[in-house]
Amino acid sequence: MARDRDVLPVFLVAAIPVAAVRLGVGFLRFQARRKRGVQSFRATLVQSGMPRNQAARLAQNYHDAGSLRKVLRAAGSR
């Protein structure tokens, strides 16, 4: 029984870095997709005839809507 108790902390110590790396990689993938999406959105707006400055402002708002920091900040304030 004592052996089972010793295995749990070792498992946690081994699993936490793996989870942190996976979370970090997932976050970086999310950021890359978000950036490509915003660039595509801005390019589509300009191609459709919207003035560049207006397209840039709208694309910036689109970018901010997907900000994980802002989403977490809003969730924390509730």
PDB file of N, CA and C in Angstrom:
ATOM      1  N   MET A   1       0.820  -1.186   0.000  1.00  0.00           N
ATOM      2  CA  MET A   1       0.000   0.000   0.000  1.00  0.00           C
ATOM      3  C   MET A   1       0.869   1.256   0.000  1.00  0.00           C
ATOM      4  N   ALA A   2       1.982   1.235   0.727  1.00  0.00           N
ATOM      5  CA  ALA A   2       2.866   2.389   0.792  1.00  0.00           C
ATOM      6  C   ALA A   2       3.481   2.678  -0.565  1.00  0.00           C
ATOM      7  N   ARG A   3       3.708   1.647  -1.346  1.00  0.00           N
ATOM      8  CA  ARG A   3       4.275   1.829  -2.665  1.00  0.00           C
ATOM      9  C   ARG A   3       3.344   2.609  -3.584  1.00  0.00           C
ATOM     10  N   ASP A   4       2.048   2.370  -3.484  1.00  0.00           N
ATOM     11  CA  ASP A   4       1.065   3.081  -4.307  1.00  0.00           C
ATOM     12  C   ASP A   4       1.095   4.573  -4.024  1.00  0.00           C
ATOM     13  N   ARG A   5       1.323   4.945  -2.800  1.00  0.00           N
ATOM     14  CA  ARG A   5       1.374   6.364  -2.446  1.00  0.00           C
ATOM     15  C   ARG A   5       2.617   7.034  -3.033  1.00  0.00           C
ATOM     16  N   ASP A   6       3.710   6.307  -3.126  1.00  0.00           N
ATOM     17  CA  ASP A   6       4.944   6.865  -3.672  1.00  0.00           C
ATOM     18  C   ASP A   6       4.875   7.036  -5.186  1.00  0.00           C
ATOM     19  N   VAL A   7       4.079   6.261  -5.860  1.00  0.00           N
ATOM     20  CA  VAL A   7       3.988   6.308  -7.316  1.00  0.00           C
ATOM     21  C   VAL A   7       3.216   7.535  -7.780  1.00  0.00           C
ATOM     22  N   LEU A   8       2.222   7.966  -7.058  1.00  0.00           N
ATOM     23  CA  LEU A   8       1.393   9.092  -7.475  1.00  0.00           C
ATOM     24  C   LEU A   8       2.189  10.380  -7.630  1.00  0.00           C
ATOM     25  N   PRO A   9       3.004  10.801  -6.678  1.00  0.00           N
ATOM     26  CA  PRO A   9       3.778  12.029  -6.889  1.00  0.00           C
ATOM     27  C   PRO A   9       4.746  11.919  -8.067  1.00  0.00           C
ATOM     28  N   VAL A  10       5.349  10.756  -8.262  1.00  0.00           N
ATOM     29  CA  VAL A  10       6.255  10.566  -9.394  1.00  0.00           C
ATOM     30  C   VAL A  10       5.485  10.703 -10.691  1.00  0.00           C
ATOM     31  N   PHE A  11       4.311  10.142 -10.758  1.00  0.00           N
ATOM     32  CA  PHE A  11       3.477  10.252 -11.956  1.00  0.00           C
ATOM     33  C   PHE A  11       3.120  11.706 -12.235  1.00  0.00           C
ATOM     34  N   LEU A  12       2.745  12.430 -11.193  1.00  0.00           N
ATOM     35  CA  LEU A  12       2.397  13.841 -11.374  1.00  0.00           C
ATOM     36  C   LEU A  12       3.591  14.660 -11.844  1.00  0.00           C
ATOM     37  N   VAL A  13       4.746  14.417 -11.264  1.00  0.00           N
ATOM     38  CA  VAL A  13       5.947  15.146 -11.651  1.00  0.00           C
ATOM     39  C   VAL A  13       6.293  14.852 -13.106  1.00  0.00           C
ATOM     40  N   ALA A  14       6.055  13.652 -13.564  1.00  0.00           N
ATOM     41  CA  ALA A  14       6.345  13.287 -14.953  1.00  0.00           C
ATOM     42  C   ALA A  14       5.276  13.816 -15.901  1.00  0.00           C
ATOM     43  N   ALA A  15       4.031  13.885 -15.478  1.00  0.00           N
ATOM     44  CA  ALA A  15       2.930  14.261 -16.368  1.00  0.00           C
ATOM     45  C   ALA A  15       2.799  15.771 -16.538  1.00  0.00           C
ATOM     46  N   ILE A  16       3.156  16.553 -15.563  1.00  0.00           N
ATOM     47  CA  ILE A  16       2.962  18.010 -15.633  1.00  0.00           C
ATOM     48  C   ILE A  16       3.781  18.648 -16.760  1.00  0.00           C
ATOM     49  N   PRO A  17       5.065  18.342 -16.928  1.00  0.00           N
ATOM     50  CA  PRO A  17       5.802  18.948 -18.050  1.00  0.00           C
ATOM     51  C   PRO A  17       5.231  18.560 -19.417  1.00  0.00           C
ATOM     52  N   VAL A  18       4.782  17.336 -19.563  1.00  0.00           N
ATOM     53  CA  VAL A  18       4.192  16.894 -20.828  1.00  0.00           C
ATOM     54  C   VAL A  18       2.919  17.677 -21.111  1.00  0.00           C
ATOM     55  N   ALA A  19       2.103  17.862 -20.100  1.00  0.00           N
ATOM     56  CA  ALA A  19       0.868  18.629 -20.278  1.00  0.00           C
ATOM     57  C   ALA A  19       1.175  20.088 -20.609  1.00  0.00           C
ATOM     58  N   ALA A  20       2.197  20.639 -19.981  1.00  0.00           N
ATOM     59  CA  ALA A  20       2.567  22.029 -20.250  1.00  0.00           C
ATOM     60  C   ALA A  20       3.059  22.198 -21.681  1.00  0.00           C
ATOM     61  N   VAL A  21       3.843  21.263 -22.168  1.00  0.00           N
ATOM     62  CA  VAL A  21       4.332  21.335 -23.550  1.00  0.00           C
ATOM     63  C   VAL A  21       3.167  21.214 -24.525  1.00  0.00           C
ATOM     64  N   ARG A  22       2.274  20.293 -24.272  1.00  0.00           N
ATOM     65  CA  ARG A  22       1.108  20.131 -25.159  1.00  0.00           C
ATOM     66  C   ARG A  22       0.258  21.390 -25.171  1.00  0.00           C
ATOM     67  N   LEU A  23       0.061  21.981 -24.022  1.00  0.00           N
ATOM     68  CA  LEU A  23      -0.719  23.206 -23.935  1.00  0.00           C
ATOM     69  C   LEU A  23      -0.027  24.329 -24.696  1.00  0.00           C
ATOM     70  N   GLY A  24       1.273  24.437 -24.539  1.00  0.00           N
ATOM     71  CA  GLY A  24       2.032  25.464 -25.245  1.00  0.00           C
ATOM     72  C   GLY A  24       1.984  25.298 -26.750  1.00  0.00           C
ATOM     73  N   VAL A  25       2.146  24.080 -27.224  1.00  0.00           N
ATOM     74  CA  VAL A  25       2.089  23.812 -28.668  1.00  0.00           C
ATOM     75  C   VAL A  25       0.694  24.101 -29.202  1.00  0.00           C
ATOM     76  N   GLY A  26      -0.306  23.699 -28.475  1.00  0.00           N
ATOM     77  CA  GLY A  26      -1.685  23.975 -28.898  1.00  0.00           C
ATOM     78  C   GLY A  26      -1.964  25.463 -28.968  1.00  0.00           C
ATOM     79  N   PHE A  27      -1.457  26.210 -28.004  1.00  0.00           N
ATOM     80  CA  PHE A  27      -1.647  27.653 -28.004  1.00  0.00           C
ATOM     81  C   PHE A  27      -0.940  28.294 -29.191  1.00  0.00           C
ATOM     82  N   LEU A  28       0.271  27.872 -29.504  1.00  0.00           N
ATOM     83  CA  LEU A  28       0.996  28.429 -30.644  1.00  0.00           C
ATOM     84  C   LEU A  28       0.295  28.113 -31.963  1.00  0.00           C
ATOM     85  N   ARG A  29      -0.268  26.930 -32.076  1.00  0.00           N
ATOM     86  CA  ARG A  29      -1.050  26.584 -33.280  1.00  0.00           C
ATOM     87  C   ARG A  29      -2.275  27.484 -33.393  1.00  0.00           C
ATOM     88  N   PHE A  30      -2.946  27.704 -32.277  1.00  0.00           N
ATOM     89  CA  PHE A  30      -4.111  28.584 -32.262  1.00  0.00           C
ATOM     90  C   PHE A  30      -3.724  29.986 -32.722  1.00  0.00           C
ATOM     91  N   GLN A  31      -2.604  30.495 -32.201  1.00  0.00           N
ATOM     92  CA  GLN A  31      -2.147  31.833 -32.567  1.00  0.00           C
ATOM     93  C   GLN A  31      -1.834  31.925 -34.063  1.00  0.00           C
ATOM     94  N   ALA A  32      -1.198  30.905 -34.620  1.00  0.00           N
ATOM     95  CA  ALA A  32      -0.855  30.912 -36.044  1.00  0.00           C
ATOM     96  C   ALA A  32      -2.114  30.888 -36.907  1.00  0.00           C
ATOM     97  N   ARG A  33      -3.069  30.055 -36.546  1.00  0.00           N
ATOM     98  CA  ARG A  33      -4.339  29.998 -37.301  1.00  0.00           C
ATOM     99  C   ARG A  33      -5.087  31.322 -37.210  1.00  0.00           C
ATOM    100  N   ARG A  34      -5.071  31.897 -36.040  1.00  0.00           N
ATOM    101  CA  ARG A  34      -5.752  33.176 -35.830  1.00  0.00           C
ATOM    102  C   ARG A  34      -5.116  34.263 -36.696  1.00  0.00           C
ATOM    103  N   LYS A  35      -3.806  34.296 -36.730  1.00  0.00           N
ATOM    104  CA  LYS A  35      -3.100  35.296 -37.526  1.00  0.00           C
ATOM    105  C   LYS A  35      -3.411  35.127 -39.012  1.00  0.00           C
ATOM    106  N   ARG A  36      -3.378  33.894 -39.495  1.00  0.00           N
ATOM    107  CA  ARG A  36      -3.705  33.650 -40.912  1.00  0.00           C
ATOM    108  C   ARG A  36      -5.150  34.015 -41.211  1.00  0.00           C
ATOM    109  N   GLY A  37      -6.040  33.747 -40.278  1.00  0.00           N
ATOM    110  CA  GLY A  37      -7.440  34.088 -40.466  1.00  0.00           C
ATOM    111  C   GLY A  37      -7.665  35.585 -40.562  1.00  0.00           C
ATOM    112  N   VAL A  38      -6.986  36.340 -39.709  1.00  0.00           N
ATOM    113  CA  VAL A  38      -7.115  37.799 -39.720  1.00  0.00           C
ATOM    114  C   VAL A  38      -6.547  38.362 -41.021  1.00  0.00           C
ATOM    115  N   GLN A  39      -5.408  37.844 -41.459  1.00  0.00           N
ATOM    116  CA  GLN A  39      -4.809  38.304 -42.714  1.00  0.00           C
ATOM    117  C   GLN A  39      -5.724  38.017 -43.897  1.00  0.00           C
ATOM    118  N   SER A  40      -6.312  36.843 -43.916  1.00  0.00           N
ATOM    119  CA  SER A  40      -7.237  36.474 -44.986  1.00  0.00           C
ATOM    120  C   SER A  40      -8.478  37.355 -44.954  1.00  0.00           C
ATOM    121  N   PHE A  41      -8.979  37.612 -43.767  1.00  0.00           N
ATOM    122  CA  PHE A  41     -10.158  38.455 -43.600  1.00  0.00           C
ATOM    123  C   PHE A  41      -9.888  39.864 -44.119  1.00  0.00           C
ATOM    124  N   ARG A  42      -8.734  40.427 -43.735  1.00  0.00           N
ATOM    125  CA  ARG A  42      -8.360  41.769 -44.183  1.00  0.00           C
ATOM    126  C   ARG A  42      -8.205  41.808 -45.700  1.00  0.00           C
ATOM    127  N   ALA A  43      -7.547  40.818 -46.275  1.00  0.00           N
ATOM    128  CA  ALA A  43      -7.344  40.771 -47.725  1.00  0.00           C
ATOM    129  C   ALA A  43      -8.673  40.666 -48.468  1.00  0.00           C
ATOM    130  N   THR A  44      -9.590  39.885 -47.944  1.00  0.00           N
ATOM    131  CA  THR A  44     -10.910  39.740 -48.575  1.00  0.00           C
ATOM    132  C   THR A  44     -11.675  41.056 -48.532  1.00  0.00           C
ATOM    133  N   LEU A  45     -11.590  41.762 -47.417  1.00  0.00           N
ATOM    134  CA  LEU A  45     -12.269  43.056 -47.315  1.00  0.00           C
ATOM    135  C   LEU A  45     -11.714  44.048 -48.332  1.00  0.00           C
ATOM    136  N   VAL A  46     -10.389  44.099 -48.463  1.00  0.00           N
ATOM    137  CA  VAL A  46      -9.765  45.031 -49.404  1.00  0.00           C
ATOM    138  C   VAL A  46     -10.111  44.643 -50.837  1.00  0.00           C
ATOM    139  N   GLN A  47     -10.093  43.345 -51.135  1.00  0.00           N
ATOM    140  CA  GLN A  47     -10.442  42.878 -52.485  1.00  0.00           C
ATOM    141  C   GLN A  47     -11.895  43.187 -52.827  1.00  0.00           C
ATOM    142  N   SER A  48     -12.736  43.248 -51.827  1.00  0.00           N
ATOM    143  CA  SER A  48     -14.155  43.535 -52.048  1.00  0.00           C
ATOM    144  C   SER A  48     -14.425  45.018 -52.248  1.00  0.00           C
ATOM    145  N   GLY A  49     -13.379  45.839 -52.065  1.00  0.00           N
ATOM    146  CA  GLY A  49     -13.535  47.258 -52.324  1.00  0.00           C
ATOM    147  C   GLY A  49     -13.584  48.142 -51.097  1.00  0.00           C
ATOM    148  N   MET A  50     -13.389  47.585 -49.926  1.00  0.00           N
ATOM    149  CA  MET A  50     -13.402  48.398 -48.713  1.00  0.00           C
ATOM    150  C   MET A  50     -12.082  49.175 -48.629  1.00  0.00           C
ATOM    151  N   PRO A  51     -12.119  50.434 -48.207  1.00  0.00           N
ATOM    152  CA  PRO A  51     -10.881  51.196 -48.038  1.00  0.00           C
ATOM    153  C   PRO A  51      -9.931  50.496 -47.050  1.00  0.00           C
ATOM    154  N   ARG A  52      -8.633  50.594 -47.311  1.00  0.00           N
ATOM    155  CA  ARG A  52      -7.629  49.886 -46.507  1.00  0.00           C
ATOM    156  C   ARG A  52      -7.681  50.248 -45.020  1.00  0.00           C
ATOM    157  N   ASN A  53      -7.864  51.534 -44.718  1.00  0.00           N
ATOM    158  CA  ASN A  53      -7.869  51.918 -43.299  1.00  0.00           C
ATOM    159  C   ASN A  53      -9.093  51.358 -42.576  1.00  0.00           C
ATOM    160  N   GLN A  54     -10.221  51.336 -43.249  1.00  0.00           N
ATOM    161  CA  GLN A  54     -11.429  50.780 -42.638  1.00  0.00           C
ATOM    162  C   GLN A  54     -11.297  49.258 -42.499  1.00  0.00           C
ATOM    163  N   ALA A  55     -10.725  48.617 -43.519  1.00  0.00           N
ATOM    164  CA  ALA A  55     -10.502  47.169 -43.454  1.00  0.00           C
ATOM    165  C   ALA A  55      -9.534  46.826 -42.327  1.00  0.00           C
ATOM    166  N   ALA A  56      -8.522  47.662 -42.139  1.00  0.00           N
ATOM    167  CA  ALA A  56      -7.552  47.420 -41.068  1.00  0.00           C
ATOM    168  C   ALA A  56      -8.213  47.526 -39.695  1.00  0.00           C
ATOM    169  N   ARG A  57      -9.075  48.523 -39.510  1.00  0.00           N
ATOM    170  CA  ARG A  57      -9.766  48.673 -38.215  1.00  0.00           C
ATOM    171  C   ARG A  57     -10.689  47.490 -37.956  1.00  0.00           C
ATOM    172  N   LEU A  58     -11.423  47.079 -38.987  1.00  0.00           N
ATOM    173  CA  LEU A  58     -12.339  45.948 -38.832  1.00  0.00           C
ATOM    174  C   LEU A  58     -11.564  44.654 -38.567  1.00  0.00           C
ATOM    175  N   ALA A  59     -10.450  44.476 -39.262  1.00  0.00           N
ATOM    176  CA  ALA A  59      -9.625  43.288 -39.043  1.00  0.00           C
ATOM    177  C   ALA A  59      -9.032  43.301 -37.633  1.00  0.00           C
ATOM    178  N   GLN A  60      -8.663  44.476 -37.134  1.00  0.00           N
ATOM    179  CA  GLN A  60      -8.135  44.566 -35.770  1.00  0.00           C
ATOM    180  C   GLN A  60      -9.206  44.178 -34.754  1.00  0.00           C
ATOM    181  N   ASN A  61     -10.433  44.597 -34.977  1.00  0.00           N
ATOM    182  CA  ASN A  61     -11.532  44.194 -34.088  1.00  0.00           C
ATOM    183  C   ASN A  61     -11.766  42.692 -34.151  1.00  0.00           C
ATOM    184  N   TYR A  62     -11.651  42.125 -35.352  1.00  0.00           N
ATOM    185  CA  TYR A  62     -11.784  40.676 -35.534  1.00  0.00           C
ATOM    186  C   TYR A  62     -10.657  39.959 -34.778  1.00  0.00           C
ATOM    187  N   HIS A  63      -9.464  40.502 -34.855  1.00  0.00           N
ATOM    188  CA  HIS A  63      -8.311  39.941 -34.153  1.00  0.00           C
ATOM    189  C   HIS A  63      -8.521  39.993 -32.647  1.00  0.00           C
ATOM    190  N   ASP A  64      -9.000  41.115 -32.161  1.00  0.00           N
ATOM    191  CA  ASP A  64      -9.224  41.276 -30.723  1.00  0.00           C
ATOM    192  C   ASP A  64     -10.326  40.363 -30.199  1.00  0.00           C
ATOM    193  N   ALA A  65     -11.298  40.044 -31.045  1.00  0.00           N
ATOM    194  CA  ALA A  65     -12.395  39.167 -30.616  1.00  0.00           C
ATOM    195  C   ALA A  65     -11.885  37.761 -30.294  1.00  0.00           C
ATOM    196  N   GLY A  66     -10.804  37.357 -30.929  1.00  0.00           N
ATOM    197  CA  GLY A  66     -10.253  36.030 -30.688  1.00  0.00           C
ATOM    198  C   GLY A  66      -9.116  36.019 -29.693  1.00  0.00           C
ATOM    199  N   SER A  67      -8.912  37.106 -28.984  1.00  0.00           N
ATOM    200  CA  SER A  67      -7.814  37.204 -28.039  1.00  0.00           C
ATOM    201  C   SER A  67      -8.104  36.362 -26.805  1.00  0.00           C
ATOM    202  N   LEU A  68      -7.280  35.376 -26.599  1.00  0.00           N
ATOM    203  CA  LEU A  68      -7.463  34.501 -25.447  1.00  0.00           C
ATOM    204  C   LEU A  68      -7.287  35.274 -24.151  1.00  0.00           C
ATOM    205  N   ARG A  69      -6.371  36.218 -24.138  1.00  0.00           N
ATOM    206  CA  ARG A  69      -6.138  37.036 -22.947  1.00  0.00           C
ATOM    207  C   ARG A  69      -7.389  37.814 -22.575  1.00  0.00           C
ATOM    208  N   LYS A  70      -8.034  38.417 -23.564  1.00  0.00           N
ATOM    209  CA  LYS A  70      -9.236  39.203 -23.282  1.00  0.00           C
ATOM    210  C   LYS A  70     -10.402  38.311 -22.857  1.00  0.00           C
ATOM    211  N   VAL A  71     -10.489  37.136 -23.464  1.00  0.00           N
ATOM    212  CA  VAL A  71     -11.557  36.204 -23.094  1.00  0.00           C
ATOM    213  C   VAL A  71     -11.372  35.758 -21.652  1.00  0.00           C
ATOM    214  N   LEU A  72     -10.138  35.421 -21.285  1.00  0.00           N
ATOM    215  CA  LEU A  72      -9.880  34.995 -19.908  1.00  0.00           C
ATOM    216  C   LEU A  72     -10.068  36.123 -18.912  1.00  0.00           C
ATOM    217  N   ARG A  73      -9.681  37.315 -19.311  1.00  0.00           N
ATOM    218  CA  ARG A  73      -9.857  38.486 -18.427  1.00  0.00           C
ATOM    219  C   ARG A  73     -11.356  38.741 -18.189  1.00  0.00           C
ATOM    220  N   ALA A  74     -12.158  38.618 -19.253  1.00  0.00           N
ATOM    221  CA  ALA A  74     -13.597  38.831 -19.124  1.00  0.00           C
ATOM    222  C   ALA A  74     -14.228  37.732 -18.257  1.00  0.00           C
ATOM    223  N   ALA A  75     -13.750  36.502 -18.417  1.00  0.00           N
ATOM    224  CA  ALA A  75     -14.288  35.411 -17.607  1.00  0.00           C
ATOM    225  C   ALA A  75     -13.893  35.562 -16.146  1.00  0.00           C
ATOM    226  N   GLY A  76     -12.715  36.101 -15.898  1.00  0.00           N
ATOM    227  CA  GLY A  76     -12.254  36.278 -14.521  1.00  0.00           C
ATOM    228  C   GLY A  76     -12.955  37.405 -13.796  1.00  0.00           C
ATOM    229  N   SER A  77     -13.450  38.377 -14.543  1.00  0.00           N
ATOM    230  CA  SER A  77     -14.103  39.517 -13.911  1.00  0.00           C
ATOM    231  C   SER A  77     -15.555  39.228 -13.531  1.00  0.00           C
ATOM    232  N   ARG A  78     -16.064  38.122 -13.977  1.00  0.00           N
ATOM    233  CA  ARG A  78     -17.468  37.790 -13.665  1.00  0.00           C
ATOM    234  C   ARG A  78     -17.609  37.147 -12.335  1.00  0.00           C
TER     235      ARG A  78
END
